[in-house]
């Protein structure tokens, strides 16, 4: 799988709903997934451009969410992408606060990655 493959990242209905709510408050959004927190299972959601990406990051997807005018980019650190390259990432929401600066923290929920292996 390469970062340009469709459906490398998808949102559950609960995650899409939370993205809509966060977008209504904060405007355009972005996700970044790094290997430094929670075994890499907690993507961080920021206002678009609030997290600087660079050569050590890979743009996996631009997520289209009904009710959100612009696509939501989903970035991953290149080192983590090398480990997860054959995985479809499913962004979900669970109760409980995560740590970090992700926009959903005050909502009492956190984004969480679930995954499914895809072909070689």
C-alpha atoms as a PDB file:
ATOM      1  CA  UNK A   1       0.000   0.000   0.000  1.00  0.00           C
ATOM      2  CA  UNK A   2       1.285   3.485  -0.723  1.00  0.00           C
ATOM      3  CA  UNK A   3       0.108   6.731   0.869  1.00  0.00           C
ATOM      4  CA  UNK A   4      -1.803   7.542  -2.320  1.00  0.00           C
ATOM      5  CA  UNK A   5      -3.960   4.419  -2.105  1.00  0.00           C
ATOM      6  CA  UNK A   6      -7.639   5.138  -1.510  1.00  0.00           C
ATOM      7  CA  UNK A   7      -9.146   4.064   1.806  1.00  0.00           C
ATOM      8  CA  UNK A   8      -5.816   3.987   3.654  1.00  0.00           C
ATOM      9  CA  UNK A   9      -7.725   5.824   6.388  1.00  0.00           C
ATOM     10  CA  UNK A  10     -11.427   5.851   7.169  1.00  0.00           C
ATOM     11  CA  UNK A  11     -13.637   7.314   9.875  1.00  0.00           C
ATOM     12  CA  UNK A  12     -16.321   5.504  11.825  1.00  0.00           C
ATOM     13  CA  UNK A  13     -19.698   7.243  12.026  1.00  0.00           C
ATOM     14  CA  UNK A  14     -18.872   8.353  15.587  1.00  0.00           C
ATOM     15  CA  UNK A  15     -15.530   9.800  14.486  1.00  0.00           C
ATOM     16  CA  UNK A  16     -17.143  11.641  11.559  1.00  0.00           C
ATOM     17  CA  UNK A  17     -19.733  13.106  13.928  1.00  0.00           C
ATOM     18  CA  UNK A  18     -17.004  14.309  16.281  1.00  0.00           C
ATOM     19  CA  UNK A  19     -15.072  15.820  13.371  1.00  0.00           C
ATOM     20  CA  UNK A  20     -18.216  17.761  12.373  1.00  0.00           C
ATOM     21  CA  UNK A  21     -18.649  19.055  15.941  1.00  0.00           C
ATOM     22  CA  UNK A  22     -14.991  20.051  16.242  1.00  0.00           C
ATOM     23  CA  UNK A  23     -15.062  21.695  12.820  1.00  0.00           C
ATOM     24  CA  UNK A  24     -18.082  23.792  13.840  1.00  0.00           C
ATOM     25  CA  UNK A  25     -16.090  25.168  16.789  1.00  0.00           C
ATOM     26  CA  UNK A  26     -12.522  25.286  15.449  1.00  0.00           C
ATOM     27  CA  UNK A  27     -12.797  25.508  11.657  1.00  0.00           C
ATOM     28  CA  UNK A  28     -10.614  23.447   9.283  1.00  0.00           C
ATOM     29  CA  UNK A  29      -8.929  20.436  10.919  1.00  0.00           C
ATOM     30  CA  UNK A  30      -6.056  18.021  10.419  1.00  0.00           C
ATOM     31  CA  UNK A  31      -4.914  14.746  12.006  1.00  0.00           C
ATOM     32  CA  UNK A  32      -1.387  13.668  12.817  1.00  0.00           C
ATOM     33  CA  UNK A  33      -0.466  10.156  13.921  1.00  0.00           C
ATOM     34  CA  UNK A  34       2.939   9.693  15.514  1.00  0.00           C
ATOM     35  CA  UNK A  35       4.546   6.748  17.221  1.00  0.00           C
ATOM     36  CA  UNK A  36       5.355   8.696  20.359  1.00  0.00           C
ATOM     37  CA  UNK A  37       2.087   8.339  22.255  1.00  0.00           C
ATOM     38  CA  UNK A  38      -0.109   5.448  23.306  1.00  0.00           C
ATOM     39  CA  UNK A  39       1.780   2.916  21.175  1.00  0.00           C
ATOM     40  CA  UNK A  40       0.797   5.022  18.186  1.00  0.00           C
ATOM     41  CA  UNK A  41      -2.907   4.337  18.635  1.00  0.00           C
ATOM     42  CA  UNK A  42      -4.070   7.895  19.351  1.00  0.00           C
ATOM     43  CA  UNK A  43      -4.170  10.275  16.402  1.00  0.00           C
ATOM     44  CA  UNK A  44      -4.086  13.928  17.373  1.00  0.00           C
ATOM     45  CA  UNK A  45      -6.615  16.336  15.878  1.00  0.00           C
ATOM     46  CA  UNK A  46      -5.527  19.943  15.423  1.00  0.00           C
ATOM     47  CA  UNK A  47      -6.744  23.063  13.700  1.00  0.00           C
ATOM     48  CA  UNK A  48      -5.416  22.889  10.142  1.00  0.00           C
ATOM     49  CA  UNK A  49      -1.843  24.134  10.064  1.00  0.00           C
ATOM     50  CA  UNK A  50      -1.434  24.138  13.853  1.00  0.00           C
ATOM     51  CA  UNK A  51       0.868  21.101  13.689  1.00  0.00           C
ATOM     52  CA  UNK A  52       3.835  21.537  11.382  1.00  0.00           C
ATOM     53  CA  UNK A  53       4.485  18.644   9.044  1.00  0.00           C
ATOM     54  CA  UNK A  54       7.635  18.109   7.045  1.00  0.00           C
ATOM     55  CA  UNK A  55       9.854  15.575   5.332  1.00  0.00           C
ATOM     56  CA  UNK A  56       9.509  13.143   8.236  1.00  0.00           C
ATOM     57  CA  UNK A  57       5.729  12.925   7.692  1.00  0.00           C
ATOM     58  CA  UNK A  58       3.533  11.182   5.103  1.00  0.00           C
ATOM     59  CA  UNK A  59       0.127  12.433   3.964  1.00  0.00           C
ATOM     60  CA  UNK A  60      -1.967   9.237   4.041  1.00  0.00           C
ATOM     61  CA  UNK A  61      -5.362  10.633   3.152  1.00  0.00           C
ATOM     62  CA  UNK A  62      -7.530  13.676   2.675  1.00  0.00           C
ATOM     63  CA  UNK A  63     -10.742  12.660   4.394  1.00  0.00           C
ATOM     64  CA  UNK A  64     -14.070  13.844   2.992  1.00  0.00           C
ATOM     65  CA  UNK A  65     -16.573  14.229   5.828  1.00  0.00           C
ATOM     66  CA  UNK A  66     -20.233  15.019   5.098  1.00  0.00           C
ATOM     67  CA  UNK A  67     -21.029  18.448   6.487  1.00  0.00           C
ATOM     68  CA  UNK A  68     -17.398  19.627   6.448  1.00  0.00           C
ATOM     69  CA  UNK A  69     -16.544  21.925   3.548  1.00  0.00           C
ATOM     70  CA  UNK A  70     -12.896  20.990   3.156  1.00  0.00           C
ATOM     71  CA  UNK A  71     -11.097  17.667   3.276  1.00  0.00           C
ATOM     72  CA  UNK A  72      -9.358  16.782   6.541  1.00  0.00           C
ATOM     73  CA  UNK A  73      -5.726  15.753   5.932  1.00  0.00           C
ATOM     74  CA  UNK A  74      -4.429  12.730   7.840  1.00  0.00           C
ATOM     75  CA  UNK A  75      -0.658  12.708   8.343  1.00  0.00           C
ATOM     76  CA  UNK A  76       1.559  10.037   9.872  1.00  0.00           C
ATOM     77  CA  UNK A  77       5.205  10.108  10.867  1.00  0.00           C
ATOM     78  CA  UNK A  78       7.268   8.378   8.192  1.00  0.00           C
ATOM     79  CA  UNK A  79       8.862   5.993  10.717  1.00  0.00           C
ATOM     80  CA  UNK A  80       5.457   4.818  11.903  1.00  0.00           C
ATOM     81  CA  UNK A  81       4.170   4.553   8.335  1.00  0.00           C
ATOM     82  CA  UNK A  82       6.983   2.103   7.563  1.00  0.00           C
ATOM     83  CA  UNK A  83       5.566  -0.195  10.265  1.00  0.00           C
ATOM     84  CA  UNK A  84       1.871   0.330   9.394  1.00  0.00           C
ATOM     85  CA  UNK A  85       2.176   0.434   5.579  1.00  0.00           C
ATOM     86  CA  UNK A  86       0.011  -2.691   5.065  1.00  0.00           C
ATOM     87  CA  UNK A  87      -2.715  -1.555   7.418  1.00  0.00           C
ATOM     88  CA  UNK A  88      -6.005   0.224   6.865  1.00  0.00           C
ATOM     89  CA  UNK A  89      -6.462   2.739   9.661  1.00  0.00           C
ATOM     90  CA  UNK A  90      -9.945   3.185  11.068  1.00  0.00           C
ATOM     91  CA  UNK A  91     -10.353   6.309  13.187  1.00  0.00           C
ATOM     92  CA  UNK A  92     -12.858   5.706  15.976  1.00  0.00           C
ATOM     93  CA  UNK A  93     -13.902   7.483  19.183  1.00  0.00           C
ATOM     94  CA  UNK A  94     -13.858   6.073  22.705  1.00  0.00           C
ATOM     95  CA  UNK A  95     -14.878   7.571  26.025  1.00  0.00           C
ATOM     96  CA  UNK A  96     -12.201   8.953  28.292  1.00  0.00           C
ATOM     97  CA  UNK A  97      -9.708  11.727  27.961  1.00  0.00           C
ATOM     98  CA  UNK A  98      -6.466  11.131  26.174  1.00  0.00           C
ATOM     99  CA  UNK A  99      -3.341  13.080  26.814  1.00  0.00           C
ATOM    100  CA  UNK A 100      -1.840  15.697  24.590  1.00  0.00           C
ATOM    101  CA  UNK A 101      -3.191  18.668  22.735  1.00  0.00           C
ATOM    102  CA  UNK A 102      -5.835  17.005  20.586  1.00  0.00           C
ATOM    103  CA  UNK A 103      -8.950  19.157  20.151  1.00  0.00           C
ATOM    104  CA  UNK A 104     -11.387  16.502  21.397  1.00  0.00           C
ATOM    105  CA  UNK A 105      -9.841  16.299  24.904  1.00  0.00           C
ATOM    106  CA  UNK A 106     -12.376  18.680  26.531  1.00  0.00           C
ATOM    107  CA  UNK A 107     -15.235  16.584  25.103  1.00  0.00           C
ATOM    108  CA  UNK A 108     -14.459  13.638  27.417  1.00  0.00           C
ATOM    109  CA  UNK A 109     -13.647  11.371  24.476  1.00  0.00           C
ATOM    110  CA  UNK A 110     -10.598  10.608  22.389  1.00  0.00           C
ATOM    111  CA  UNK A 111      -9.842   9.470  18.898  1.00  0.00           C
ATOM    112  CA  UNK A 112      -8.404   5.964  18.654  1.00  0.00           C
ATOM    113  CA  UNK A 113      -6.978   3.969  15.747  1.00  0.00           C
ATOM    114  CA  UNK A 114      -8.333   0.546  14.993  1.00  0.00           C
ATOM    115  CA  UNK A 115      -6.618  -1.273  12.180  1.00  0.00           C
ATOM    116  CA  UNK A 116      -7.087  -4.016   9.635  1.00  0.00           C
ATOM    117  CA  UNK A 117      -4.381  -5.666   7.564  1.00  0.00           C
ATOM    118  CA  UNK A 118      -4.643  -5.271   3.808  1.00  0.00           C
ATOM    119  CA  UNK A 119      -2.889  -7.223   1.061  1.00  0.00           C
ATOM    120  CA  UNK A 120       0.872  -7.129   0.488  1.00  0.00           C
END
